[in-house]
């Protein structure tokens, strides 16, 4: 059997990104043949990724990227918050966010796109990352805005690095005004969206079924007052206006001064707000509770 040196293990680790012990085992299994060891690790990585694919991935990072009159955002999930601090994972999220600018926000197209600086796909890079870090990961969703004139601004809350964090917002602003001032406004709107959590851009964009449910609840509440039907109708109208102020971005009170409406702020800037998206990490994913002590004991039993 060929002698497996520390230098051989280090070289294989640098080439593949796999763990030290995995690299040593790959070289032992392939009698020191580095190329065969690379193939062995790739096969092992694929198998490892498949085993991990059933685990719930609700942590990770939101990544944003911008270009001239275009902006993109992506959510990439992992199993633990620890991975969000991993530089390999952070770089992956940033690269995929950048791809959204040119590829678009269809996740399947993103996964099929060529990963920057390589000849393989984003999906292949993700598989390698899963094998290297040892957790299930998914590219969950993405969003892209483009404007004909103006800017697409981004805001990231709880950022671990520029453009990477737990909450991300894209804001599309159409305007011929000075770009620097428009980007500042876009960032301020992004901060507002992160805090106020609007559900629709304007009244016309409110989900009709959600509005009907809200009206039904408000009508029943008002009916309990025992007042005449005409008064009840006006009470419901007033409460619906209040509902719009809670869920419609342009109708909300501007968080930066507590007085103005968002639509007034945008109009004063000579701009038109054409779209926004807010991603919060892991929202809507059902997290599984687990017995950490039991997990540790189980892991210890497999070592």
Protein backbone atom coordinates (compact mmCIF):
# COMPACT_ATOMS: atom_id res chain seq x y z
CA UNK A 1 0.00 0.00 0.00
CA UNK A 2 1.22 3.49 -0.90
CA UNK A 3 2.28 5.76 1.94
CA UNK A 4 -0.35 8.45 2.63
CA UNK A 5 1.43 11.65 3.66
CA UNK A 6 0.03 14.75 5.33
CA UNK A 7 0.88 16.74 2.20
CA UNK A 8 -1.23 14.41 0.05
CA UNK A 9 -4.17 14.78 2.42
CA UNK A 10 -3.79 18.57 2.47
CA UNK A 11 -3.63 18.80 -1.33
CA UNK A 12 -6.74 16.66 -1.71
CA UNK A 13 -8.57 18.72 0.88
CA UNK A 14 -7.69 21.97 -0.93
CA UNK A 15 -8.82 20.49 -4.24
CA UNK A 16 -12.15 19.11 -3.03
CA UNK A 17 -13.07 21.05 0.11
CA UNK A 18 -13.86 17.76 1.84
CA UNK A 19 -13.00 17.08 5.49
CA UNK A 20 -9.50 16.00 6.52
CA UNK A 21 -10.52 12.52 7.65
CA UNK A 22 -12.59 11.96 4.51
CA UNK A 23 -9.60 12.93 2.37
CA UNK A 24 -7.32 10.55 4.21
CA UNK A 25 -9.83 7.72 3.87
CA UNK A 26 -10.26 8.45 0.16
CA UNK A 27 -6.52 8.19 -0.40
CA UNK A 28 -6.27 4.98 1.63
CA UNK A 29 -9.19 3.42 -0.28
CA UNK A 30 -7.57 4.33 -3.61
CA UNK A 31 -3.96 3.43 -2.75
CA UNK A 32 -2.77 7.02 -2.89
CA UNK A 33 -4.19 7.78 -6.35
CA UNK A 34 -5.27 11.43 -6.03
CA UNK A 35 -7.55 11.49 -9.10
CA UNK A 36 -9.32 8.29 -8.04
CA UNK A 37 -9.65 9.78 -4.54
CA UNK A 38 -11.36 12.86 -6.00
CA UNK A 39 -13.91 10.64 -7.75
CA UNK A 40 -14.38 8.61 -4.59
CA UNK A 41 -15.10 11.77 -2.59
CA UNK A 42 -17.52 13.05 -5.21
CA UNK A 43 -19.48 9.80 -5.06
CA UNK A 44 -19.39 9.87 -1.28
CA UNK A 45 -20.53 13.49 -1.32
CA UNK A 46 -23.49 12.67 -3.50
CA UNK A 47 -24.49 9.87 -1.18
CA UNK A 48 -24.09 12.09 1.87
CA UNK A 49 -26.20 14.81 0.29
CA UNK A 50 -28.96 12.33 -0.49
CA UNK A 51 -29.03 11.12 3.12
CA UNK A 52 -29.33 14.68 4.40
CA UNK A 53 -32.03 15.81 1.98
CA UNK A 54 -34.86 14.75 4.29
CA UNK A 55 -33.79 16.99 7.15
CA UNK A 56 -35.58 20.27 7.81
CA UNK A 57 -33.53 23.27 6.71
CA UNK A 58 -35.00 26.45 8.18
CA UNK A 59 -31.86 28.42 9.06
CA UNK A 60 -29.34 29.95 6.65
CA UNK A 61 -29.16 33.37 4.99
CA UNK A 62 -30.97 35.83 2.76
CA UNK A 63 -28.66 37.24 0.08
CA UNK A 64 -29.13 40.37 -2.04
CA UNK A 65 -27.36 41.76 -5.09
CA UNK A 66 -27.82 44.80 -7.31
CA UNK A 67 -26.80 46.03 -10.73
CA UNK A 68 -27.77 49.01 -12.88
CA UNK A 69 -31.58 49.22 -12.56
CA UNK A 70 -31.85 45.61 -11.38
CA UNK A 71 -31.85 43.85 -8.02
CA UNK A 72 -32.06 40.26 -6.87
CA UNK A 73 -32.61 38.36 -3.66
CA UNK A 74 -32.37 34.69 -2.68
CA UNK A 75 -33.03 32.57 0.40
CA UNK A 76 -30.70 29.63 0.97
CA UNK A 77 -31.54 27.41 3.93
CA UNK A 78 -29.43 25.14 6.11
CA UNK A 79 -30.22 23.12 9.22
CA UNK A 80 -28.45 25.22 11.85
CA UNK A 81 -27.63 28.86 12.45
CA UNK A 82 -23.99 27.86 12.82
CA UNK A 83 -23.74 27.34 9.05
CA UNK A 84 -24.72 30.98 8.42
CA UNK A 85 -21.32 31.91 9.89
CA UNK A 86 -19.47 29.54 7.56
CA UNK A 87 -17.53 31.44 4.90
CA UNK A 88 -18.10 28.75 2.25
CA UNK A 89 -21.85 29.00 2.80
CA UNK A 90 -21.79 32.80 2.81
CA UNK A 91 -19.88 32.86 -0.47
CA UNK A 92 -22.37 30.44 -2.04
CA UNK A 93 -25.35 32.60 -1.05
CA UNK A 94 -23.67 35.74 -2.38
CA UNK A 95 -22.83 34.08 -5.70
CA UNK A 96 -26.36 32.75 -6.18
CA UNK A 97 -27.83 36.17 -5.33
CA UNK A 98 -25.61 37.63 -8.05
CA UNK A 99 -26.84 35.03 -10.53
CA UNK A 100 -30.45 36.12 -9.93
CA UNK A 101 -29.61 39.40 -11.70
CA UNK A 102 -28.94 37.63 -15.01
CA UNK A 103 -30.73 34.28 -14.70
CA UNK A 104 -33.94 35.49 -13.04
CA UNK A 105 -35.84 34.25 -10.00
CA UNK A 106 -37.03 30.82 -11.13
CA UNK A 107 -35.31 28.47 -8.68
CA UNK A 108 -35.02 25.58 -11.14
CA UNK A 109 -33.31 27.83 -13.68
CA UNK A 110 -30.99 29.08 -10.95
CA UNK A 111 -30.03 25.55 -9.94
CA UNK A 112 -29.37 24.64 -13.58
CA UNK A 113 -27.23 27.73 -14.23
CA UNK A 114 -23.44 27.47 -14.32
CA UNK A 115 -21.92 28.32 -10.96
CA UNK A 116 -19.55 31.33 -11.28
CA UNK A 117 -15.92 30.40 -11.82
CA UNK A 118 -16.69 26.74 -12.61
CA UNK A 119 -17.99 24.54 -15.40
CA UNK A 120 -20.61 22.83 -13.23
CA UNK A 121 -24.10 23.86 -12.15
CA UNK A 122 -25.34 25.62 -9.03
CA UNK A 123 -27.00 22.34 -8.05
CA UNK A 124 -23.66 20.52 -8.29
CA UNK A 125 -21.99 23.22 -6.21
CA UNK A 126 -24.76 22.92 -3.63
CA UNK A 127 -24.27 19.18 -3.48
CA UNK A 128 -20.55 19.64 -2.90
CA UNK A 129 -21.30 22.17 -0.16
CA UNK A 130 -23.69 19.75 1.56
CA UNK A 131 -20.99 17.06 1.52
CA UNK A 132 -18.35 19.44 2.83
CA UNK A 133 -20.33 21.11 5.62
CA UNK A 134 -22.47 18.11 6.51
CA UNK A 135 -25.95 19.67 6.58
CA UNK A 136 -28.93 19.63 4.30
CA UNK A 137 -29.24 22.88 2.32
CA UNK A 138 -31.77 24.20 -0.17
CA UNK A 139 -32.13 27.17 -2.48
CA UNK A 140 -35.68 27.94 -1.41
CA UNK A 141 -36.83 31.04 -3.30
CA UNK A 142 -35.65 34.09 -5.20
CA UNK A 143 -36.95 37.41 -6.47
CA UNK A 144 -35.78 39.82 -9.15
CA UNK A 145 -36.92 43.35 -10.00
CA UNK A 146 -35.85 45.48 -12.95
CA UNK A 147 -36.83 49.08 -13.72
CA UNK A 148 -36.57 51.07 -16.94
CA UNK A 149 -35.46 54.20 -15.09
CA UNK A 150 -34.67 54.54 -11.43
CA UNK A 151 -33.23 51.92 -9.12
CA UNK A 152 -33.84 48.66 -7.31
CA UNK A 153 -32.69 49.18 -3.74
CA UNK A 154 -31.94 46.56 -1.10
CA UNK A 155 -32.02 46.47 2.67
CA UNK A 156 -30.72 43.64 4.84
CA UNK A 157 -31.56 43.41 8.53
CA UNK A 158 -29.31 41.56 11.01
CA UNK A 159 -26.56 41.48 8.39
CA UNK A 160 -23.64 39.13 8.98
CA UNK A 161 -21.89 40.62 5.96
CA UNK A 162 -22.89 43.27 3.41
CA UNK A 163 -25.86 41.88 1.50
CA UNK A 164 -26.29 38.82 3.72
CA UNK A 165 -28.65 38.54 6.69
CA UNK A 166 -31.84 37.21 8.24
CA UNK A 167 -34.33 39.61 6.63
CA UNK A 168 -33.97 41.01 3.13
CA UNK A 169 -36.03 43.55 1.20
CA UNK A 170 -36.07 44.56 -2.47
CA UNK A 171 -37.66 47.88 -3.46
CA UNK A 172 -38.26 48.90 -7.08
CA UNK A 173 -38.47 52.67 -7.66
CA UNK A 174 -39.14 54.28 -11.03
CA UNK A 175 -38.00 57.90 -11.30
CA UNK A 176 -35.85 60.25 -13.37
CA UNK A 177 -34.52 61.89 -10.21
CA UNK A 178 -30.95 61.85 -8.94
CA UNK A 179 -29.85 58.25 -8.48
CA UNK A 180 -28.07 58.73 -5.14
CA UNK A 181 -31.14 60.33 -3.56
CA UNK A 182 -33.36 57.62 -5.03
CA UNK A 183 -31.16 54.85 -3.63
CA UNK A 184 -31.30 56.49 -0.20
CA UNK A 185 -35.10 56.60 -0.41
CA UNK A 186 -35.17 52.98 -1.56
CA UNK A 187 -33.10 51.89 1.40
CA UNK A 188 -35.37 53.85 3.76
CA UNK A 189 -38.42 52.15 2.25
CA UNK A 190 -36.63 48.82 2.66
CA UNK A 191 -36.13 49.54 6.36
CA UNK A 192 -39.81 50.47 6.62
CA UNK A 193 -40.87 47.23 4.92
CA UNK A 194 -38.63 45.16 7.18
CA UNK A 195 -40.24 46.72 10.25
CA UNK A 196 -43.87 47.17 9.14
CA UNK A 197 -44.32 43.92 7.17
CA UNK A 198 -46.80 45.16 4.54
CA UNK A 199 -48.64 42.50 2.56
CA UNK A 200 -49.54 44.47 -0.58
CA UNK A 201 -48.13 47.39 -2.54
CA UNK A 202 -51.44 49.24 -2.99
CA UNK A 203 -55.13 48.70 -2.25
CA UNK A 204 -55.77 47.04 -5.61
CA UNK A 205 -53.14 44.41 -4.79
CA UNK A 206 -54.80 43.27 -1.54
CA UNK A 207 -55.78 39.60 -1.67
CA UNK A 208 -59.57 39.61 -2.30
CA UNK A 209 -60.16 36.52 -0.17
CA UNK A 210 -58.19 38.02 2.73
CA UNK A 211 -60.21 41.23 2.40
CA UNK A 212 -63.53 39.35 2.45
CA UNK A 213 -62.47 37.42 5.54
CA UNK A 214 -61.50 40.65 7.24
CA UNK A 215 -64.82 42.30 6.30
CA UNK A 216 -66.74 39.30 7.67
CA UNK A 217 -64.93 39.54 10.99
CA UNK A 218 -65.38 43.31 11.17
CA UNK A 219 -69.08 43.07 10.30
CA UNK A 220 -69.68 40.49 13.00
CA UNK A 221 -67.82 42.62 15.55
CA UNK A 222 -69.78 45.73 14.58
CA UNK A 223 -73.09 43.87 14.66
CA UNK A 224 -72.47 43.14 18.33
CA UNK A 225 -72.82 46.84 19.06
CA UNK A 226 -76.57 46.68 18.45
CA UNK A 227 -76.47 49.81 16.29
CA UNK A 228 -78.56 50.33 13.12
CA UNK A 229 -77.44 48.69 9.87
CA UNK A 230 -76.46 52.02 8.29
CA UNK A 231 -74.20 52.84 11.23
CA UNK A 232 -72.73 49.34 11.18
CA UNK A 233 -71.92 49.74 7.47
CA UNK A 234 -70.03 52.98 8.15
CA UNK A 235 -68.22 51.35 11.08
CA UNK A 236 -67.09 48.53 8.80
CA UNK A 237 -65.95 51.00 6.12
CA UNK A 238 -63.86 52.84 8.70
CA UNK A 239 -62.32 49.64 9.98
CA UNK A 240 -61.54 48.49 6.43
CA UNK A 241 -59.63 51.75 5.90
CA UNK A 242 -57.73 50.97 9.08
CA UNK A 243 -57.04 47.48 7.76
CA UNK A 244 -55.57 48.98 4.58
CA UNK A 245 -53.32 51.19 6.69
CA UNK A 246 -52.00 48.08 8.39
CA UNK A 247 -51.34 45.84 5.37
CA UNK A 248 -50.88 48.13 2.33
CA UNK A 249 -47.41 49.63 1.98
CA UNK A 250 -48.44 52.89 0.32
CA UNK A 251 -51.17 53.45 2.94
CA UNK A 252 -48.93 52.79 5.96
CA UNK A 253 -47.57 55.48 8.26
CA UNK A 254 -43.92 56.15 7.45
CA UNK A 255 -41.91 54.58 10.26
CA UNK A 256 -39.18 57.19 9.95
CA UNK A 257 -41.36 60.09 11.14
CA UNK A 258 -44.53 58.43 12.48
CA UNK A 259 -46.74 60.93 10.64
CA UNK A 260 -46.46 60.86 6.83
CA UNK A 261 -47.94 58.18 4.61
CA UNK A 262 -45.52 56.16 2.51
CA UNK A 263 -47.32 57.25 -0.67
CA UNK A 264 -46.81 60.92 0.26
CA UNK A 265 -43.08 60.35 0.83
CA UNK A 266 -42.71 58.64 -2.53
CA UNK A 267 -44.74 61.31 -4.35
CA UNK A 268 -42.67 64.09 -2.78
CA UNK A 269 -39.53 62.45 -4.19
CA UNK A 270 -41.09 62.44 -7.67
CA UNK A 271 -40.86 58.65 -7.78
CA UNK A 272 -43.18 55.71 -8.34
CA UNK A 273 -42.95 52.63 -6.16
CA UNK A 274 -43.56 49.71 -8.53
CA UNK A 275 -42.76 46.71 -6.37
CA UNK A 276 -41.32 45.31 -3.16
CA UNK A 277 -40.52 41.93 -1.68
CA UNK A 278 -39.66 41.01 1.89
CA UNK A 279 -37.95 37.70 2.70
CA UNK A 280 -37.64 36.60 6.31
CA UNK A 281 -35.43 33.61 6.87
CA UNK A 282 -37.36 30.38 7.42
CA UNK A 283 -40.84 31.94 7.38
CA UNK A 284 -43.46 29.33 6.61
CA UNK A 285 -41.12 26.39 7.20
CA UNK A 286 -42.34 24.01 9.86
CA UNK A 287 -39.45 23.44 12.23
CA UNK A 288 -39.19 20.10 13.97
CA UNK A 289 -38.58 19.99 17.70
CA UNK A 290 -35.88 17.58 18.76
CA UNK A 291 -34.20 16.14 21.82
CA UNK A 292 -30.67 17.53 21.55
CA UNK A 293 -29.29 15.16 24.18
CA UNK A 294 -30.75 12.18 22.33
CA UNK A 295 -29.24 13.43 19.06
CA UNK A 296 -25.80 13.70 20.66
CA UNK A 297 -26.13 10.21 22.14
CA UNK A 298 -27.20 8.80 18.80
CA UNK A 299 -24.30 10.49 17.03
CA UNK A 300 -21.87 9.18 19.62
CA UNK A 301 -23.15 5.68 19.01
CA UNK A 302 -22.30 5.91 15.32
CA UNK A 303 -18.72 7.10 15.78
